[in-house]
Amino acid sequence: MVAALRSLFVLAPGPPGPRRWIATRAALSMGIPLAALTLAGRPDLGLMAGTGAFLALFFAGAPAAERARVLPVIGAVLFGSAALGALLAPSPWLTAVGLVVVAVVGSAFAFAYRVGPPGPVFFVLMFGLSGMITSVRDGARVTEPWVFLTTLAGGLIFAYLLALLPAVLPSERARQPRQLREILPGPWLGAGEQWLVVRIAIVAALGAVISLLWVDPERAYWTVSTGVAVVGMSTVRNHSFARGLHRTFGTLIGAALYLALAPLAQLPWAFVLMLPLLQFTIEFVVARNYALALVFITPLVLLIAGAALGDANQLSTATERFVDTAVGSALAMASGVLRERTARQ
């Protein structure tokens, strides 16, 4: 426990050079569509297209030729998650079932094919954001599903093309790329990975039920995505406890940062600059300190969600997300205890 607490304040060593370029690509994947469509008078579409930047987070350190082969697969999973979220959005109960399905199937896919960081959490987030952006208010969709999905597809394609841009460099062309079956080996789940999928299934089901019955059905995606992130991708014992601490403390500070940034985000061009800056910072620090990354992930997602729904009650939003995070983290850490007891038996 002492080591887990100490890890909150430690920056792991990491090469700043490659990470800087990875962070820049991620920021541009979000910032350019957002800025272009804001300039065209449609910041709402820019925000939707900007969510395609999630694609830039996968295989970020791989050669450009390998990204060219594997990112269409990841993009299809992200788009499929969004399409399912939009389809089920009118029904809270069906959305909850879909949330569990995406968490379990997305995790099984990520582990079986050795996808690597950031793992399955963005499949769950994409499902949740899609359901929220296309949710029903006063008998009508906030955004028509076809509008969101078409715009998202454009954002995914832009992020994909930007990820291939380094291929123009001679140093990139000299790197020998692997075949797709080598980049995504499998499908195969070892005993450790099977346990991770079981834990995610338990956490997702309990998180969805708790949100439906006692919290808020529309916030279930945050509780479940938190649980998925805390379970993580490591089969090392006590990993979830440390991740839970990082997630909880990072979200608490991130919620405070969101409250500070939210008034400034009401200015359109400040908002346009803010999101890619947050995205850059997340990618720059996430490999060194997860809690620090959460300080910036939290306001990024809350600003996107608030802008999509026109939510003006920032204090309530920040408080609710901290509660959701606490529930998801607690469930994930408890599932780690279950694994420990089963392993001892």
Protein backbone atom coordinates (compact mmCIF):
# COMPACT_ATOMS: atom_id res chain seq x y z
CA MET A 1 0.00 0.00 0.00
CA VAL A 2 2.86 2.37 0.83
CA ALA A 3 4.42 1.70 -2.58
CA ALA A 4 1.08 2.39 -4.28
CA LEU A 5 0.73 5.71 -2.45
CA ARG A 6 4.30 6.65 -3.26
CA SER A 7 3.72 5.93 -6.95
CA LEU A 8 1.23 8.81 -7.06
CA PHE A 9 4.13 11.24 -6.77
CA VAL A 10 6.74 9.48 -8.93
CA LEU A 11 7.43 10.12 -12.60
CA ALA A 12 8.65 6.95 -14.27
CA PRO A 13 11.55 7.44 -16.70
CA GLY A 14 10.56 7.78 -20.31
CA PRO A 15 12.10 8.96 -23.57
CA PRO A 16 10.76 12.51 -24.14
CA GLY A 17 11.61 12.65 -27.86
CA PRO A 18 9.37 9.91 -29.30
CA ARG A 19 6.62 10.69 -26.80
CA ARG A 20 6.61 14.33 -27.88
CA TRP A 21 5.87 13.38 -31.48
CA ILE A 22 3.25 10.84 -30.43
CA ALA A 23 1.56 13.52 -28.32
CA THR A 24 1.73 16.01 -31.20
CA ARG A 25 0.01 13.59 -33.59
CA ALA A 26 -2.73 12.90 -31.05
CA ALA A 27 -3.28 16.63 -30.47
CA LEU A 28 -3.42 17.44 -34.19
CA SER A 29 -5.84 14.55 -34.79
CA MET A 30 -8.27 16.30 -32.48
CA GLY A 31 -7.35 19.93 -33.02
CA ILE A 32 -7.37 20.22 -36.81
CA PRO A 33 -10.92 18.87 -37.41
CA LEU A 34 -12.22 20.87 -34.45
CA ALA A 35 -10.60 24.09 -35.67
CA ALA A 36 -11.58 23.61 -39.32
CA LEU A 37 -15.23 22.91 -38.60
CA THR A 38 -15.42 25.68 -35.99
CA LEU A 39 -14.08 28.06 -38.63
CA ALA A 40 -16.81 26.76 -40.96
CA GLY A 41 -19.43 27.61 -38.36
CA ARG A 42 -20.08 24.03 -37.16
CA PRO A 43 -18.18 23.55 -33.88
CA ASP A 44 -20.62 20.77 -32.96
CA LEU A 45 -19.46 18.71 -35.93
CA GLY A 46 -15.85 19.58 -35.13
CA LEU A 47 -16.30 18.14 -31.67
CA MET A 48 -17.75 14.91 -33.09
CA ALA A 49 -14.97 14.60 -35.66
CA GLY A 50 -12.41 15.26 -32.94
CA THR A 51 -13.44 12.11 -31.10
CA GLY A 52 -11.85 10.22 -33.99
CA ALA A 53 -8.55 11.23 -32.40
CA PHE A 54 -8.96 8.25 -30.06
CA LEU A 55 -7.58 6.19 -32.96
CA ALA A 56 -4.26 8.04 -32.74
CA LEU A 57 -3.64 6.59 -29.27
CA PHE A 58 -3.29 3.00 -30.52
CA PHE A 59 0.04 1.60 -31.76
CA ALA A 60 1.41 5.13 -31.47
CA GLY A 61 5.03 3.97 -31.24
CA ALA A 62 4.83 1.48 -34.11
CA PRO A 63 6.34 2.18 -37.54
CA ALA A 64 4.02 4.09 -39.86
CA ALA A 65 3.78 1.10 -42.21
CA GLU A 66 2.53 -1.06 -39.34
CA ARG A 67 0.02 1.60 -38.31
CA ALA A 68 -1.23 1.60 -41.90
CA ARG A 69 -2.07 -2.10 -41.53
CA VAL A 70 -3.46 -2.27 -38.02
CA LEU A 71 -5.30 1.02 -37.44
CA PRO A 72 -8.17 0.17 -39.83
CA VAL A 73 -8.93 -2.79 -37.56
CA ILE A 74 -8.91 -0.60 -34.44
CA GLY A 75 -10.92 2.07 -36.24
CA ALA A 76 -13.55 -0.50 -37.15
CA VAL A 77 -13.86 -1.56 -33.50
CA LEU A 78 -14.15 2.06 -32.36
CA PHE A 79 -16.74 2.81 -35.03
CA GLY A 80 -18.68 -0.35 -34.22
CA SER A 81 -18.73 0.61 -30.54
CA ALA A 82 -20.06 4.06 -31.46
CA ALA A 83 -22.69 2.63 -33.81
CA LEU A 84 -23.96 0.26 -31.11
CA GLY A 85 -24.06 3.10 -28.58
CA ALA A 86 -26.14 5.24 -30.95
CA LEU A 87 -28.46 2.35 -31.79
CA LEU A 88 -29.24 1.54 -28.14
CA ALA A 89 -29.27 5.13 -26.83
CA PRO A 90 -33.09 5.48 -26.53
CA SER A 91 -33.30 2.62 -23.99
CA PRO A 92 -31.37 2.89 -20.68
CA TRP A 93 -31.66 -0.86 -20.07
CA LEU A 94 -30.49 -1.84 -23.55
CA THR A 95 -27.69 0.70 -23.26
CA ALA A 96 -26.58 -0.92 -20.00
CA VAL A 97 -26.57 -4.35 -21.64
CA GLY A 98 -24.65 -2.97 -24.61
CA LEU A 99 -22.16 -1.34 -22.25
CA VAL A 100 -21.38 -4.69 -20.64
CA VAL A 101 -21.12 -6.38 -24.03
CA VAL A 102 -18.70 -3.76 -25.37
CA ALA A 103 -16.60 -3.93 -22.19
CA VAL A 104 -16.33 -7.73 -22.31
CA VAL A 105 -15.97 -8.20 -26.07
CA GLY A 106 -13.63 -5.21 -26.39
CA SER A 107 -11.45 -6.51 -23.56
CA ALA A 108 -11.36 -10.03 -24.98
CA PHE A 109 -10.33 -8.60 -28.36
CA ALA A 110 -7.65 -6.34 -26.87
CA PHE A 111 -6.14 -9.11 -24.73
CA ALA A 112 -6.48 -11.96 -27.24
CA TYR A 113 -4.78 -9.98 -30.01
CA ARG A 114 -2.24 -8.22 -27.75
CA VAL A 115 -3.42 -4.75 -28.76
CA GLY A 116 -1.46 -3.06 -25.97
CA PRO A 117 -2.04 0.42 -24.52
CA PRO A 118 -4.49 2.07 -24.16
CA GLY A 119 -6.35 -1.24 -24.17
CA PRO A 120 -10.14 -1.62 -24.24
CA VAL A 121 -11.09 1.48 -22.24
CA PHE A 122 -11.59 3.70 -25.31
CA PHE A 123 -13.99 1.19 -26.85
CA VAL A 124 -16.17 1.63 -23.76
CA LEU A 125 -15.74 5.41 -23.78
CA MET A 126 -16.67 5.59 -27.46
CA PHE A 127 -19.82 3.56 -26.82
CA GLY A 128 -20.76 5.84 -23.91
CA LEU A 129 -20.01 9.13 -25.64
CA SER A 130 -21.93 8.03 -28.72
CA GLY A 131 -24.96 7.09 -26.64
CA MET A 132 -24.82 10.41 -24.83
CA ILE A 133 -24.32 12.56 -27.93
CA THR A 134 -27.23 10.82 -29.71
CA SER A 135 -29.41 10.47 -26.61
CA VAL A 136 -33.11 11.31 -26.54
CA ARG A 137 -34.24 14.61 -24.97
CA ASP A 138 -37.90 15.68 -24.97
CA GLY A 139 -38.79 12.92 -27.39
CA ALA A 140 -36.10 13.72 -29.98
CA ARG A 141 -32.47 12.83 -30.52
CA VAL A 142 -29.95 15.45 -29.37
CA THR A 143 -27.97 14.56 -32.51
CA GLU A 144 -29.19 12.26 -35.25
CA PRO A 145 -27.13 9.03 -35.22
CA TRP A 146 -26.29 9.27 -38.93
CA VAL A 147 -24.88 12.77 -38.43
CA PHE A 148 -22.66 11.69 -35.56
CA LEU A 149 -21.50 8.45 -37.18
CA THR A 150 -20.74 10.10 -40.53
CA THR A 151 -18.76 12.85 -38.82
CA LEU A 152 -16.97 10.35 -36.59
CA ALA A 153 -16.01 8.31 -39.66
CA GLY A 154 -14.45 11.42 -41.16
CA GLY A 155 -12.54 12.05 -37.93
CA LEU A 156 -11.27 8.47 -37.84
CA ILE A 157 -10.10 8.68 -41.45
CA PHE A 158 -8.30 11.96 -40.75
CA ALA A 159 -6.59 10.51 -37.66
CA TYR A 160 -5.55 7.49 -39.72
CA LEU A 161 -4.03 9.62 -42.48
CA LEU A 162 -2.21 11.77 -39.95
CA ALA A 163 -0.80 8.63 -38.30
CA LEU A 164 0.74 7.67 -41.65
CA LEU A 165 2.38 11.05 -42.23
CA PRO A 166 5.78 9.99 -40.80
CA ALA A 167 6.03 7.48 -43.67
CA VAL A 168 7.44 10.29 -45.82
CA LEU A 169 10.61 10.28 -43.71
CA PRO A 170 13.51 8.12 -44.96
CA SER A 171 14.09 6.81 -41.44
CA GLU A 172 10.51 5.52 -41.32
CA ARG A 173 10.70 3.91 -44.75
CA ALA A 174 13.86 2.09 -43.66
CA ARG A 175 12.03 0.33 -40.80
CA GLN A 176 10.93 -3.19 -41.66
CA PRO A 177 7.20 -3.53 -40.89
CA ARG A 178 5.58 -6.70 -39.57
CA GLN A 179 2.63 -8.38 -41.20
CA LEU A 180 -0.82 -7.82 -39.68
CA ARG A 181 -0.90 -11.33 -38.19
CA GLU A 182 2.34 -10.49 -36.35
CA ILE A 183 1.11 -7.09 -35.17
CA LEU A 184 -2.11 -8.67 -33.90
CA PRO A 185 -1.04 -12.20 -32.93
CA GLY A 186 -3.76 -14.51 -31.74
CA PRO A 187 -6.46 -14.93 -30.84
CA TRP A 188 -5.14 -16.43 -27.64
CA LEU A 189 -6.01 -15.83 -23.99
CA GLY A 190 -3.72 -17.12 -21.28
CA ALA A 191 -4.89 -17.81 -17.75
CA GLY A 192 -4.02 -14.27 -16.66
CA GLU A 193 -5.85 -12.65 -19.55
CA GLN A 194 -8.89 -14.87 -18.97
CA TRP A 195 -9.02 -13.61 -15.40
CA LEU A 196 -8.83 -10.03 -16.62
CA VAL A 197 -11.82 -10.60 -18.91
CA VAL A 198 -13.79 -12.25 -16.08
CA ARG A 199 -13.00 -9.34 -13.75
CA ILE A 200 -14.02 -6.80 -16.37
CA ALA A 201 -17.28 -8.68 -16.95
CA ILE A 202 -18.05 -8.59 -13.21
CA VAL A 203 -17.08 -4.93 -12.85
CA ALA A 204 -19.03 -3.89 -15.96
CA ALA A 205 -22.18 -5.77 -14.94
CA LEU A 206 -22.14 -4.47 -11.36
CA GLY A 207 -21.24 -0.95 -12.46
CA ALA A 208 -24.08 -0.87 -14.98
CA VAL A 209 -26.63 -2.21 -12.47
CA ILE A 210 -25.53 0.21 -9.72
CA SER A 211 -25.74 3.14 -12.13
CA LEU A 212 -29.16 2.07 -13.39
CA LEU A 213 -30.72 1.53 -9.99
CA TRP A 214 -29.02 3.98 -7.64
CA VAL A 215 -26.92 6.55 -9.50
CA ASP A 216 -27.81 7.69 -13.04
CA PRO A 217 -28.23 5.46 -16.12
CA GLU A 218 -26.71 8.11 -18.39
CA ARG A 219 -23.50 8.05 -16.36
CA ALA A 220 -23.05 4.27 -16.38
CA TYR A 221 -20.43 4.50 -19.14
CA TRP A 222 -18.13 6.53 -16.88
CA THR A 223 -18.43 4.06 -14.00
CA VAL A 224 -17.78 1.09 -16.28
CA SER A 225 -14.93 2.73 -18.21
CA THR A 226 -13.30 3.61 -14.90
CA GLY A 227 -13.57 0.00 -13.79
CA VAL A 228 -12.11 -1.25 -17.07
CA ALA A 229 -9.22 1.23 -16.82
CA VAL A 230 -8.46 0.28 -13.21
CA VAL A 231 -8.47 -3.45 -13.96
CA GLY A 232 -5.99 -2.49 -16.66
CA MET A 233 -3.97 -4.85 -18.81
CA SER A 234 -1.54 -6.27 -16.28
CA THR A 235 -1.92 -9.64 -14.58
CA VAL A 236 0.48 -8.55 -11.81
CA ARG A 237 -1.00 -8.82 -8.32
CA ASN A 238 -1.93 -5.57 -6.57
CA HIS A 239 -1.87 -3.74 -9.91
CA SER A 240 -5.54 -2.75 -9.61
CA PHE A 241 -5.07 -1.26 -6.15
CA ALA A 242 -2.42 1.14 -7.41
CA ARG A 243 -4.43 1.91 -10.55
CA GLY A 244 -7.51 2.58 -8.43
CA LEU A 245 -5.61 5.07 -6.29
CA HIS A 246 -4.26 6.79 -9.39
CA ARG A 247 -7.69 6.86 -11.01
CA THR A 248 -9.44 8.25 -7.93
CA PHE A 249 -6.89 10.91 -7.01
CA GLY A 250 -6.27 11.88 -10.63
CA THR A 251 -9.99 12.27 -11.27
CA LEU A 252 -10.48 14.35 -8.13
CA ILE A 253 -7.79 16.82 -9.16
CA GLY A 254 -8.95 16.62 -12.78
CA ALA A 255 -12.49 17.54 -11.74
CA ALA A 256 -11.12 20.62 -9.99
CA LEU A 257 -9.16 21.50 -13.14
CA TYR A 258 -12.35 21.08 -15.17
CA LEU A 259 -14.14 23.58 -12.92
CA ALA A 260 -11.31 26.05 -13.51
CA LEU A 261 -11.31 25.56 -17.29
CA ALA A 262 -15.07 25.34 -17.91
CA PRO A 263 -15.76 29.12 -17.86
CA LEU A 264 -12.91 29.72 -20.32
CA ALA A 265 -14.23 26.92 -22.53
CA GLN A 266 -17.36 28.98 -23.18
CA LEU A 267 -15.22 31.02 -25.60
CA PRO A 268 -15.27 29.05 -28.90
CA TRP A 269 -11.62 29.49 -29.85
CA ALA A 270 -10.40 28.97 -26.31
CA PHE A 271 -12.27 25.65 -26.43
CA VAL A 272 -10.64 24.80 -29.76
CA LEU A 273 -7.17 25.38 -28.29
CA MET A 274 -7.93 23.72 -24.98
CA LEU A 275 -8.89 20.24 -26.20
CA PRO A 276 -5.78 19.49 -28.29
CA LEU A 277 -3.58 20.95 -25.56
CA LEU A 278 -5.15 18.56 -23.05
CA GLN A 279 -4.78 15.70 -25.53
CA PHE A 280 -1.09 16.52 -26.03
CA THR A 281 -0.44 16.65 -22.29
CA ILE A 282 -2.21 13.34 -21.69
CA GLU A 283 -0.12 11.51 -24.24
CA PHE A 284 3.07 13.16 -23.05
CA VAL A 285 2.70 12.07 -19.41
CA VAL A 286 0.54 8.92 -19.47
CA ALA A 287 3.51 6.56 -19.75
CA ARG A 288 5.18 8.20 -16.76
CA ASN A 289 2.38 8.73 -14.23
CA TYR A 290 -1.19 7.49 -14.68
CA ALA A 291 -2.64 9.77 -11.98
CA LEU A 292 -1.09 12.81 -13.65
CA ALA A 293 -2.59 11.75 -16.99
CA LEU A 294 -6.02 11.47 -15.31
CA VAL A 295 -5.70 15.08 -14.18
CA PHE A 296 -5.98 16.01 -17.87
CA ILE A 297 -8.13 13.11 -19.15
CA THR A 298 -10.96 14.06 -16.78
CA PRO A 299 -11.44 17.67 -17.97
CA LEU A 300 -10.99 16.57 -21.61
CA VAL A 301 -13.88 14.08 -21.46
CA LEU A 302 -16.04 16.37 -19.32
CA LEU A 303 -15.54 19.30 -21.68
CA ILE A 304 -16.47 17.12 -24.67
CA ALA A 305 -19.54 15.75 -22.89
CA GLY A 306 -20.62 19.16 -21.61
CA ALA A 307 -20.27 20.79 -25.02
CA ALA A 308 -22.18 17.96 -26.72
CA LEU A 309 -25.14 18.26 -24.35
CA GLY A 310 -24.95 21.97 -23.54
CA ASP A 311 -24.58 21.17 -19.83
CA ALA A 312 -23.99 24.40 -17.87
CA ASN A 313 -23.94 22.93 -14.35
CA GLN A 314 -20.20 22.34 -14.07
CA LEU A 315 -20.03 21.76 -10.31
CA SER A 316 -22.71 19.09 -10.49
CA THR A 317 -20.96 17.43 -13.45
CA ALA A 318 -17.59 17.35 -11.69
CA THR A 319 -19.10 15.97 -8.48
CA GLU A 320 -21.05 13.29 -10.34
CA ARG A 321 -18.01 12.11 -12.27
CA PHE A 322 -15.98 11.82 -9.08
CA VAL A 323 -18.73 9.67 -7.54
CA ASP A 324 -18.82 7.51 -10.68
CA THR A 325 -15.05 7.16 -10.59
CA ALA A 326 -15.09 6.14 -6.93
CA VAL A 327 -17.70 3.45 -7.64
CA GLY A 328 -15.87 2.08 -10.68
CA SER A 329 -12.50 2.10 -8.91
CA ALA A 330 -13.92 0.38 -5.83
CA LEU A 331 -15.48 -2.37 -7.95
CA ALA A 332 -12.25 -2.94 -9.88
CA MET A 333 -10.13 -3.05 -6.72
CA ALA A 334 -12.61 -5.44 -5.11
CA SER A 335 -12.38 -7.71 -8.15
CA GLY A 336 -8.62 -7.78 -7.60
CA VAL A 337 -9.18 -9.03 -4.06
CA LEU A 338 -11.43 -11.77 -5.47
CA ARG A 339 -8.63 -12.85 -7.78
CA GLU A 340 -6.16 -12.96 -4.92
CA ARG A 341 -8.41 -15.17 -2.82
CA THR A 342 -9.13 -17.49 -5.72
CA ALA A 343 -5.42 -17.75 -6.51
CA ARG A 344 -4.62 -18.69 -2.91
CA GLN A 345 -7.29 -21.38 -2.93
